[in-house]
Amino acid sequence: MNGRVALAAAALLLALGLPWGVVGAETEYVAGWMNPSYCIATWDGYLDCTYGYISPGFVIPGQGAAYAGYQTSARVTIVLGGALLLHWSRNGGRWQLPSAALLQVGAVALAGSALRPGAVAALIAAALLLAESGLLRGRSLPRSGGDDRMTRPFSSA
């Protein structure tokens, strides 16, 4: 395993432990309530109650709260990307690195829109994997059955 793929694997491990989430849904407010203890009817038809118990309300974590990567739906794609890296390191191949990068972009799409540290680590891993596969340098994937040299797209070579 070379340096960029090893860094991508380390970024995937970090992405599992770092926080992920959705912008704007970090917390949810639950309104308070009042349980009356004694009520009397007033002359204008309303109830006048004394307070028996008052709850001021509280804040709970919402759906987009910052949870670790292993607690979100992104864990599936992160682990699948790691499995593709392991397969690539043992057997080689030309499709595993771009597929693992695509899975990491999918992880960010699944887990939410906030660029928290877990999502940033997954995107860094995707960029490293795309750079290693040669797709960021304007090269295409090697043709199968050929001599496996990288060629520029739309070239005659």
Protein backbone atom coordinates (compact mmCIF):
# COMPACT_ATOMS: atom_id res chain seq x y z
CA MET A 1 0.00 0.00 0.00
CA ASN A 2 1.52 3.31 -1.00
CA GLY A 3 1.44 6.60 0.89
CA ARG A 4 -1.75 8.14 -0.49
CA VAL A 5 -3.78 4.98 -0.06
CA ALA A 6 -2.44 4.55 3.49
CA LEU A 7 -3.42 8.16 4.29
CA ALA A 8 -6.86 7.53 2.80
CA ALA A 9 -7.26 4.41 4.95
CA ALA A 10 -6.27 6.43 8.03
CA ALA A 11 -8.78 9.14 7.06
CA LEU A 12 -11.49 6.48 6.78
CA LEU A 13 -10.71 5.24 10.28
CA LEU A 14 -10.85 8.81 11.55
CA ALA A 15 -14.16 9.38 9.78
CA LEU A 16 -15.69 6.54 11.78
CA GLY A 17 -14.83 8.22 15.07
CA LEU A 18 -15.27 11.91 14.28
CA PRO A 19 -18.63 13.74 14.50
CA TRP A 20 -21.06 13.97 11.55
CA GLY A 21 -24.40 15.78 11.28
CA VAL A 22 -26.94 17.99 9.49
CA VAL A 23 -26.92 21.79 9.61
CA GLY A 24 -29.84 23.34 11.49
CA ALA A 25 -31.10 20.19 13.21
CA GLU A 26 -28.61 19.96 16.07
CA THR A 27 -31.14 20.42 18.86
CA GLU A 28 -34.87 20.27 19.38
CA TYR A 29 -36.83 22.27 21.96
CA VAL A 30 -39.59 20.50 23.91
CA ALA A 31 -42.02 23.06 25.25
CA GLY A 32 -42.77 23.25 28.96
CA TRP A 33 -46.09 22.56 30.65
CA MET A 34 -48.04 23.41 33.77
CA ASN A 35 -50.06 21.08 35.97
CA PRO A 36 -52.57 23.12 37.95
CA SER A 37 -53.36 22.30 41.54
CA TYR A 38 -56.51 24.32 42.16
CA CYS A 39 -58.81 26.04 39.65
CA ILE A 40 -61.86 28.27 40.09
CA ALA A 41 -64.19 29.69 37.46
CA THR A 42 -64.08 33.46 37.18
CA TRP A 43 -67.06 35.74 36.45
CA ASP A 44 -66.07 36.07 32.75
CA GLY A 45 -66.01 32.32 32.05
CA TYR A 46 -62.28 31.64 32.33
CA LEU A 47 -60.46 29.35 34.75
CA ASP A 48 -58.08 30.86 37.27
CA CYS A 49 -55.61 28.18 38.36
CA THR A 50 -52.82 28.15 40.87
CA TYR A 51 -49.60 26.53 39.82
CA GLY A 52 -48.92 23.09 41.13
CA TYR A 53 -46.00 22.12 38.89
CA ILE A 54 -44.28 24.09 36.15
CA SER A 55 -41.78 22.67 33.68
CA PRO A 56 -39.85 25.32 31.77
CA GLY A 57 -39.11 23.02 28.79
CA PHE A 58 -35.85 21.45 27.75
CA VAL A 59 -33.57 20.89 24.78
CA ILE A 60 -32.81 17.43 23.42
CA PRO A 61 -30.47 16.34 20.60
CA GLY A 62 -32.21 16.49 17.23
CA GLN A 63 -31.98 14.23 14.20
CA GLY A 64 -28.93 16.09 12.89
CA ALA A 65 -27.00 16.28 16.13
CA ALA A 66 -23.28 15.62 15.92
CA TYR A 67 -22.94 11.87 16.27
CA ALA A 68 -19.79 9.85 15.63
CA GLY A 69 -19.45 8.25 12.21
CA TYR A 70 -20.08 4.75 13.54
CA GLN A 71 -23.46 5.95 14.86
CA THR A 72 -24.69 7.39 11.55
CA SER A 73 -25.85 5.87 8.28
CA ALA A 74 -22.46 6.80 6.79
CA ARG A 75 -20.83 3.87 8.58
CA VAL A 76 -22.00 1.44 5.90
CA THR A 77 -20.32 3.28 3.04
CA ILE A 78 -17.19 4.02 5.07
CA VAL A 79 -16.74 0.34 5.92
CA LEU A 80 -17.45 -0.70 2.31
CA GLY A 81 -14.82 1.79 1.13
CA GLY A 82 -12.34 0.34 3.61
CA ALA A 83 -13.13 -3.16 2.35
CA LEU A 84 -12.46 -2.02 -1.22
CA LEU A 85 -9.11 -0.59 -0.12
CA LEU A 86 -8.23 -3.88 1.54
CA HIS A 87 -9.22 -5.76 -1.62
CA TRP A 88 -7.14 -3.37 -3.75
CA SER A 89 -4.08 -3.76 -1.51
CA ARG A 90 -4.24 -7.56 -1.74
CA ASN A 91 -5.30 -8.12 -5.34
CA GLY A 92 -4.72 -4.86 -7.20
CA GLY A 93 -7.18 -3.71 -9.79
CA ARG A 94 -8.37 -0.59 -11.49
CA TRP A 95 -11.91 -0.01 -10.25
CA GLN A 96 -11.56 -0.29 -6.46
CA LEU A 97 -9.99 3.11 -5.78
CA PRO A 98 -12.54 5.22 -7.72
CA SER A 99 -15.35 3.11 -6.28
CA ALA A 100 -14.09 3.65 -2.73
CA ALA A 101 -13.87 7.40 -3.44
CA LEU A 102 -17.44 7.42 -4.74
CA LEU A 103 -18.59 5.59 -1.62
CA GLN A 104 -17.06 8.31 0.56
CA VAL A 105 -18.87 11.03 -1.36
CA GLY A 106 -22.01 8.94 -0.87
CA ALA A 107 -21.29 8.80 2.85
CA VAL A 108 -21.31 12.60 3.01
CA ALA A 109 -24.56 12.66 1.04
CA LEU A 110 -26.14 10.11 3.41
CA ALA A 111 -25.02 11.57 6.70
CA GLY A 112 -25.86 15.22 6.17
CA SER A 113 -24.93 18.59 4.88
CA ALA A 114 -22.73 19.82 7.72
CA LEU A 115 -19.02 19.69 6.99
CA ARG A 116 -18.12 18.44 10.40
CA PRO A 117 -14.76 16.69 10.92
CA GLY A 118 -16.04 13.23 9.97
CA ALA A 119 -17.37 14.41 6.62
CA VAL A 120 -14.17 16.36 5.94
CA ALA A 121 -12.08 13.25 6.66
CA ALA A 122 -14.24 11.22 4.25
CA LEU A 123 -13.85 13.86 1.53
CA ILE A 124 -10.08 13.96 2.07
CA ALA A 125 -10.01 10.18 1.70
CA ALA A 126 -12.02 10.47 -1.52
CA ALA A 127 -9.63 13.08 -2.93
CA LEU A 128 -6.60 10.96 -2.05
CA LEU A 129 -8.13 7.90 -3.68
CA LEU A 130 -9.05 9.80 -6.83
CA ALA A 131 -5.53 11.23 -7.01
CA GLU A 132 -4.03 7.76 -6.65
CA SER A 133 -6.28 6.31 -9.33
CA GLY A 134 -5.13 8.97 -11.77
CA LEU A 135 -8.54 10.47 -12.43
CA LEU A 136 -7.54 13.88 -11.03
CA ARG A 137 -4.56 14.09 -13.38
CA GLY A 138 -6.73 13.86 -16.48
CA ARG A 139 -5.96 10.21 -17.04
CA SER A 140 -8.47 7.53 -17.71
CA LEU A 141 -8.53 4.14 -16.09
CA PRO A 142 -6.35 1.54 -17.82
CA ARG A 143 -8.03 -0.63 -20.41
CA SER A 144 -8.62 -4.19 -19.36
CA GLY A 145 -6.68 -6.83 -21.21
CA GLY A 146 -4.08 -4.32 -22.39
CA ASP A 147 -0.68 -3.48 -21.09
CA ASP A 148 -2.29 -1.48 -18.21
CA ARG A 149 -0.60 1.80 -19.02
CA MET A 150 -2.49 4.95 -18.29
CA THR A 151 -3.64 6.90 -21.37
CA ARG A 152 -5.16 10.33 -21.72
CA PRO A 153 -8.85 10.37 -22.61
CA PHE A 154 -9.62 11.05 -26.26
CA SER A 155 -6.03 10.38 -27.31
CA SER A 156 -4.90 8.15 -30.11
CA ALA A 157 -2.30 6.32 -28.00
